[in-house]
Amino acid sequence: MQWLLLLVGFLCLPQCLVAVSQASEPSAGFRVQETPDRLVITLDEKQIADFVFRDEKVLRPYFCRVHAKGGLQVTRSHPPVPGTDATDHETMHPGIWLGFGDLSGTDFWRNKGRIEHIRFADPVLVKNGRLSFTTESKLVTAENRLLGLLTCEFLLTDEHVGWRLVWAATFRSMESELTFGDQEEMGFGARVATPLTEKNGGLITSSTGLKTAAATWGQAASWCDYSGRSGDQSGGITLMAAPENFRQSWWHNRDYGVFVANPFGRAAMKQGELSAVKIEPGQSFKIRFAAFIHDAADYDPAVAFDHFAKQFKI
């Protein structure tokens, strides 16, 4: 009955609209506009991302239309533009996301299961150059069976050389254990804008000094950066895995633009025996990642990761 009481508690809390507090903020900085399916986020009056929490095709939350502070688009257009973008994996690679190809046998990566938004547990708050909010969701199978609950804490910060997204996820199982399986498509991922891909002259670099998608695929690293040029602008995305996560992340990186920090796919990434990470009934499990969006000439991903590792703890 513990899981039932927990769910009832979630659902009985007030389902109010997102409240945005900006009382201490000047005219610049972060701003948020709420619509029925997303938060439209601006920084210094420039659009930098949409956070989508309801979508009929992509059945999990994600960030799309992601831009660097200088205006460079760093994620592939969503939906992709035929003739400009490769149109593969349209509903699997929407921008920046957290997804799982095998969660208790359900494929949330390919939208067979759904991460169903319940509410904003903490209101959207803008203060001192930081934007924060928390969501609560249900993990539901294709057969409409409830597997567990997911709480996601989001923090966006305005940095000198770009802006940073921190995404912390806490999973709670119900009457049965929740099991993370072993696949390539597990973890924290992004699809970079078409001009930034390796196929168009971009480059993936890892914290261990390896370069290219082929060299970094399947290898462990604290971070990977995917950068390139679009016209006269350069920049990209650095994905980071918190040092306090239960395990290091291996990387599922491709030259067409996707890269994923994956702490679950040990065998899939050819790094050992088949893995199964289990959450016992009624227990919780937390992981944390970050994405740094950059277009500054003096950006150093190693320095950005060091700041992330020191400032944020599970």
Protein backbone atom coordinates (compact mmCIF):
# COMPACT_ATOMS: atom_id res chain seq x y z
CA MET A 1 0.00 0.00 0.00
CA GLN A 2 3.00 2.30 0.39
CA TRP A 3 3.20 3.01 -3.33
CA LEU A 4 -0.54 3.73 -3.50
CA LEU A 5 -0.39 6.22 -0.63
CA LEU A 6 2.62 7.87 -2.25
CA LEU A 7 0.84 8.27 -5.57
CA VAL A 8 -2.35 9.55 -3.96
CA GLY A 9 -0.27 12.14 -2.14
CA PHE A 10 1.23 13.30 -5.43
CA LEU A 11 -2.08 13.51 -7.25
CA CYS A 12 -3.96 15.23 -4.46
CA LEU A 13 -1.56 18.14 -4.24
CA PRO A 14 -2.80 21.33 -5.93
CA GLN A 15 -2.41 21.19 -9.70
CA CYS A 16 -1.81 24.89 -10.11
CA LEU A 17 -0.27 26.60 -13.09
CA VAL A 18 3.43 27.35 -13.06
CA ALA A 19 4.21 30.31 -10.85
CA VAL A 20 7.14 32.44 -12.01
CA SER A 21 8.89 34.61 -9.43
CA GLN A 22 11.18 37.30 -10.80
CA ALA A 23 10.80 40.03 -8.22
CA SER A 24 14.53 40.43 -7.64
CA GLU A 25 15.54 40.25 -11.31
CA PRO A 26 16.40 43.22 -13.55
CA SER A 27 15.02 43.48 -17.08
CA ALA A 28 17.77 41.20 -18.44
CA GLY A 29 18.49 37.66 -17.26
CA PHE A 30 16.24 34.62 -17.52
CA ARG A 31 12.57 34.97 -18.46
CA VAL A 32 9.98 32.23 -18.79
CA GLN A 33 6.69 32.14 -20.67
CA GLU A 34 4.36 29.26 -19.86
CA THR A 35 2.11 27.57 -22.43
CA PRO A 36 0.01 24.40 -21.98
CA ASP A 37 2.82 22.13 -23.17
CA ARG A 38 6.10 23.96 -22.56
CA LEU A 39 8.15 26.67 -20.94
CA VAL A 40 9.68 29.12 -23.42
CA ILE A 41 12.96 30.32 -21.90
CA THR A 42 14.87 33.48 -22.80
CA LEU A 43 18.15 34.86 -21.50
CA ASP A 44 18.93 38.56 -21.88
CA GLU A 45 15.84 38.80 -24.13
CA LYS A 46 17.11 36.09 -26.53
CA GLN A 47 15.36 32.73 -26.90
CA ILE A 48 17.65 29.96 -25.61
CA ALA A 49 15.41 26.90 -25.18
CA ASP A 50 11.96 25.41 -24.87
CA PHE A 51 11.31 22.91 -22.08
CA VAL A 52 8.56 20.61 -23.36
CA PHE A 53 6.67 18.64 -20.72
CA ARG A 54 3.72 17.43 -22.83
CA ASP A 55 4.04 16.05 -26.38
CA GLU A 56 1.83 13.57 -28.22
CA LYS A 57 4.81 12.11 -30.13
CA VAL A 58 7.80 12.46 -27.82
CA LEU A 59 6.50 10.85 -24.64
CA ARG A 60 9.11 12.23 -22.23
CA PRO A 61 10.26 15.72 -21.22
CA TYR A 62 13.00 17.41 -23.24
CA PHE A 63 14.64 20.70 -24.19
CA CYS A 64 14.51 21.80 -27.83
CA ARG A 65 15.32 24.93 -29.87
CA VAL A 66 18.47 25.24 -27.77
CA HIS A 67 20.68 28.26 -28.54
CA ALA A 68 23.90 29.67 -27.15
CA LYS A 69 23.92 33.16 -25.66
CA GLY A 70 25.21 34.67 -28.90
CA GLY A 71 22.33 33.21 -30.92
CA LEU A 72 23.99 30.07 -32.33
CA GLN A 73 21.55 27.15 -32.63
CA VAL A 74 23.24 24.14 -31.01
CA THR A 75 20.54 21.44 -31.21
CA ARG A 76 18.99 20.07 -34.40
CA SER A 77 15.76 21.75 -35.42
CA HIS A 78 12.76 20.00 -33.90
CA PRO A 79 11.08 18.75 -35.94
CA PRO A 80 14.02 18.44 -38.38
CA VAL A 81 13.72 20.44 -41.61
CA PRO A 82 13.71 18.19 -44.71
CA GLY A 83 16.44 19.17 -47.13
CA THR A 84 18.39 20.94 -44.38
CA ASP A 85 18.54 18.38 -41.58
CA ALA A 86 18.80 14.62 -41.54
CA THR A 87 15.31 13.49 -40.52
CA ASP A 88 16.23 10.23 -38.75
CA HIS A 89 15.12 9.55 -35.17
CA GLU A 90 12.80 12.57 -35.17
CA THR A 91 10.90 11.54 -32.03
CA MET A 92 13.93 10.01 -30.28
CA HIS A 93 16.41 12.90 -30.65
CA PRO A 94 14.39 16.08 -29.96
CA GLY A 95 17.20 18.22 -28.50
CA ILE A 96 18.47 17.46 -24.99
CA TRP A 97 16.76 14.68 -23.05
CA LEU A 98 16.92 11.90 -20.46
CA GLY A 99 15.77 8.58 -21.93
CA PHE A 100 15.90 4.84 -21.29
CA GLY A 101 15.65 2.05 -23.85
CA ASP A 102 14.99 -0.55 -21.16
CA LEU A 103 13.32 0.43 -17.90
CA SER A 104 11.73 -2.69 -16.41
CA GLY A 105 11.32 -4.03 -19.94
CA THR A 106 9.66 -0.89 -21.35
CA ASP A 107 11.33 1.21 -24.04
CA PHE A 108 11.00 4.87 -23.03
CA TRP A 109 13.65 5.90 -25.60
CA ARG A 110 11.48 4.88 -28.55
CA ASN A 111 8.29 6.20 -26.91
CA LYS A 112 6.78 2.79 -26.15
CA GLY A 113 6.30 3.89 -22.55
CA ARG A 114 5.63 7.43 -21.39
CA ILE A 115 6.99 9.75 -18.74
CA GLU A 116 3.70 11.49 -17.96
CA HIS A 117 3.85 14.98 -16.47
CA ILE A 118 1.86 15.34 -13.24
CA ARG A 119 2.75 18.82 -12.03
CA PHE A 120 5.42 21.37 -11.24
CA ALA A 121 6.35 20.46 -7.69
CA ASP A 122 8.39 23.64 -7.24
CA PRO A 123 7.34 26.81 -9.04
CA VAL A 124 9.55 28.31 -11.71
CA LEU A 125 11.88 30.66 -9.88
CA VAL A 126 14.23 33.23 -11.43
CA LYS A 127 16.73 34.74 -9.01
CA ASN A 128 20.35 35.92 -9.06
CA GLY A 129 21.09 34.71 -12.58
CA ARG A 130 19.54 31.28 -11.95
CA LEU A 131 16.35 29.63 -13.20
CA SER A 132 15.01 26.62 -11.30
CA PHE A 133 11.96 24.38 -11.30
CA THR A 134 11.01 20.80 -10.36
CA THR A 135 8.64 18.43 -12.14
CA GLU A 136 6.90 15.26 -10.99
CA SER A 137 5.95 12.55 -13.48
CA LYS A 138 4.64 8.98 -13.71
CA LEU A 139 6.51 6.16 -15.47
CA VAL A 140 3.80 4.32 -17.41
CA THR A 141 4.08 1.29 -19.72
CA ALA A 142 2.37 0.90 -23.11
CA GLU A 143 -0.21 -1.25 -21.27
CA ASN A 144 -0.90 1.69 -18.94
CA ARG A 145 0.78 0.05 -15.95
CA LEU A 146 2.43 2.35 -13.43
CA LEU A 147 6.09 1.44 -12.91
CA GLY A 148 7.17 4.28 -10.67
CA LEU A 149 7.50 8.00 -10.11
CA LEU A 150 10.11 10.45 -11.37
CA THR A 151 11.08 13.79 -9.85
CA CYS A 152 13.31 16.02 -12.01
CA GLU A 153 15.10 19.07 -10.60
CA PHE A 154 16.24 21.59 -13.21
CA LEU A 155 18.67 24.44 -12.72
CA LEU A 156 19.80 26.85 -15.45
CA THR A 157 22.63 29.25 -14.68
CA ASP A 158 24.02 32.18 -16.64
CA GLU A 159 27.79 31.78 -16.95
CA HIS A 160 30.48 34.05 -18.39
CA VAL A 161 31.22 31.71 -21.31
CA GLY A 162 27.72 30.32 -21.88
CA TRP A 163 24.86 28.85 -19.87
CA ARG A 164 24.50 25.60 -17.99
CA LEU A 165 21.60 23.18 -17.53
CA VAL A 166 21.75 20.81 -14.56
CA TRP A 167 19.24 17.93 -14.68
CA ALA A 168 18.89 15.78 -11.54
CA ALA A 169 16.47 12.84 -11.69
CA THR A 170 15.13 10.82 -8.74
CA PHE A 171 13.30 7.57 -9.54
CA ARG A 172 11.04 5.87 -7.02
CA SER A 173 9.76 2.34 -7.52
CA MET A 174 6.26 1.13 -6.63
CA GLU A 175 5.11 -2.32 -5.53
CA SER A 176 7.69 -3.98 -7.80
CA GLU A 177 11.36 -3.26 -8.26
CA LEU A 178 12.38 -0.88 -11.03
CA THR A 179 15.20 -2.17 -13.22
CA PHE A 180 17.45 -0.22 -15.60
CA GLY A 181 18.54 -2.55 -18.39
CA ASP A 182 21.69 -2.69 -20.50
CA GLN A 183 21.40 -0.88 -23.85
CA GLU A 184 23.19 1.75 -25.92
CA GLU A 185 20.17 4.06 -25.69
CA MET A 186 20.21 4.79 -21.97
CA GLY A 187 21.00 8.05 -20.22
CA PHE A 188 21.51 11.75 -20.91
CA GLY A 189 21.63 12.66 -24.58
CA ALA A 190 21.69 15.47 -27.10
CA ARG A 191 21.43 15.85 -30.88
CA VAL A 192 23.53 18.76 -32.13
CA ALA A 193 22.52 21.13 -34.91
CA THR A 194 23.28 19.85 -38.41
CA PRO A 195 26.19 22.26 -39.13
CA LEU A 196 27.93 21.17 -35.90
CA THR A 197 27.99 17.43 -36.65
CA GLU A 198 31.21 15.58 -37.44
CA LYS A 199 29.80 14.89 -40.88
CA ASN A 200 29.86 18.66 -41.43
CA GLY A 201 33.24 19.39 -39.86
CA GLY A 202 32.38 19.30 -36.13
CA LEU A 203 34.30 17.32 -33.53
CA ILE A 204 33.65 15.29 -30.38
CA THR A 205 36.30 15.55 -27.64
CA SER A 206 36.24 13.62 -24.34
CA SER A 207 37.65 14.39 -20.90
CA THR A 208 40.28 11.70 -21.49
CA GLY A 209 41.65 13.49 -24.56
CA LEU A 210 40.12 11.20 -27.18
CA LYS A 211 38.65 12.81 -30.28
CA THR A 212 36.02 11.81 -32.88
CA ALA A 213 32.84 9.81 -32.44
CA ALA A 214 34.55 6.56 -33.36
CA ALA A 215 37.36 6.96 -30.81
CA THR A 216 35.08 8.04 -27.94
CA TRP A 217 32.26 5.52 -28.54
CA GLY A 218 31.97 3.06 -25.67
CA GLN A 219 34.71 4.73 -23.65
CA ALA A 220 34.35 6.08 -20.12
CA ALA A 221 34.64 9.84 -19.62
CA SER A 222 33.46 12.54 -17.22
CA TRP A 223 32.36 14.72 -20.14
CA CYS A 224 32.20 14.90 -23.91
CA ASP A 225 32.03 18.08 -25.94
CA TYR A 226 30.44 18.25 -29.41
CA SER A 227 31.38 21.48 -31.20
CA GLY A 228 31.54 22.93 -34.68
CA ARG A 229 30.89 25.97 -36.86
CA SER A 230 27.75 27.41 -38.42
CA GLY A 231 28.49 30.30 -40.76
CA ASP A 232 30.75 32.71 -38.90
CA GLN A 233 29.78 31.34 -35.46
CA SER A 234 31.30 28.47 -33.51
CA GLY A 235 30.15 26.65 -30.39
CA GLY A 236 28.48 23.53 -29.15
CA ILE A 237 27.33 21.43 -26.19
CA THR A 238 29.29 19.72 -23.43
CA LEU A 239 27.45 16.89 -21.69
CA MET A 240 28.67 16.05 -18.17
CA ALA A 241 28.06 13.22 -15.72
CA ALA A 242 28.21 14.02 -12.01
CA PRO A 243 31.15 12.35 -10.22
CA GLU A 244 28.73 11.23 -7.48
CA ASN A 245 26.59 9.17 -9.85
CA PHE A 246 26.47 5.48 -8.94
CA ARG A 247 28.85 4.65 -11.80
CA GLN A 248 30.93 6.32 -14.50
CA SER A 249 29.29 6.95 -17.88
CA TRP A 250 30.29 5.33 -21.12
CA TRP A 251 29.50 7.27 -24.29
CA HIS A 252 27.24 6.46 -27.22
CA ASN A 253 28.57 8.99 -29.77
CA ARG A 254 27.87 9.24 -33.50
CA ASP A 255 29.23 11.39 -36.32
CA TYR A 256 25.69 12.37 -37.43
CA GLY A 257 25.11 14.41 -34.28
CA VAL A 258 23.90 12.34 -31.32
CA PHE A 259 25.90 11.78 -28.16
CA VAL A 260 24.80 10.17 -24.90
CA ALA A 261 26.26 9.77 -21.40
CA ASN A 262 25.29 6.19 -20.51
CA PRO A 263 26.06 4.72 -17.05
CA PHE A 264 23.80 1.68 -17.62
CA GLY A 265 24.93 -0.02 -20.85
CA ARG A 266 28.05 -1.82 -19.66
CA ALA A 267 27.73 -4.83 -21.96
CA ALA A 268 26.13 -2.82 -24.76
CA MET A 269 29.13 -0.48 -24.72
CA LYS A 270 31.47 -3.52 -24.68
CA GLN A 271 32.88 -2.72 -21.24
CA GLY A 272 32.00 -5.78 -19.19
CA GLU A 273 29.25 -8.12 -18.09
CA LEU A 274 25.54 -7.50 -18.62
CA SER A 275 24.30 -4.85 -16.19
CA ALA A 276 21.00 -4.58 -14.34
CA VAL A 277 20.55 -1.66 -11.92
CA LYS A 278 17.64 -2.39 -9.58
CA ILE A 279 15.60 -0.15 -7.29
CA GLU A 280 13.87 -2.18 -4.62
CA PRO A 281 10.12 -1.59 -4.02
CA GLY A 282 9.48 1.75 -2.36
CA GLN A 283 13.12 2.87 -2.69
CA SER A 284 14.60 5.77 -4.63
CA PHE A 285 17.61 6.27 -6.92
CA LYS A 286 19.16 9.56 -8.06
CA ILE A 287 21.40 10.55 -10.97
CA ARG A 288 22.62 13.96 -12.09
CA PHE A 289 23.92 15.33 -15.39
CA ALA A 290 24.63 18.72 -16.92
CA ALA A 291 24.79 20.33 -20.34
CA PHE A 292 26.92 23.41 -20.96
CA ILE A 293 25.87 25.50 -23.97
CA HIS A 294 28.77 27.56 -25.26
CA ASP A 295 29.92 29.85 -28.07
CA ALA A 296 32.71 31.82 -26.36
CA ALA A 297 36.24 31.84 -27.73
CA ASP A 298 37.74 31.23 -24.26
CA TYR A 299 35.47 28.29 -23.34
CA ASP A 300 37.25 25.29 -21.77
CA PRO A 301 35.09 22.20 -21.13
CA ALA A 302 37.50 20.91 -18.48
CA VAL A 303 37.09 24.12 -16.47
CA ALA A 304 33.30 24.01 -16.93
CA PHE A 305 33.18 20.43 -15.67
CA ASP A 306 35.36 21.28 -12.67
CA HIS A 307 32.94 24.05 -11.68
CA PHE A 308 29.97 21.69 -12.08
CA ALA A 309 31.62 18.94 -10.03
CA LYS A 310 32.46 21.30 -7.18
CA GLN A 311 29.14 23.17 -7.06
CA PHE A 312 26.60 20.37 -7.37
CA LYS A 313 26.44 17.27 -5.21
CA ILE A 314 23.86 14.49 -5.11
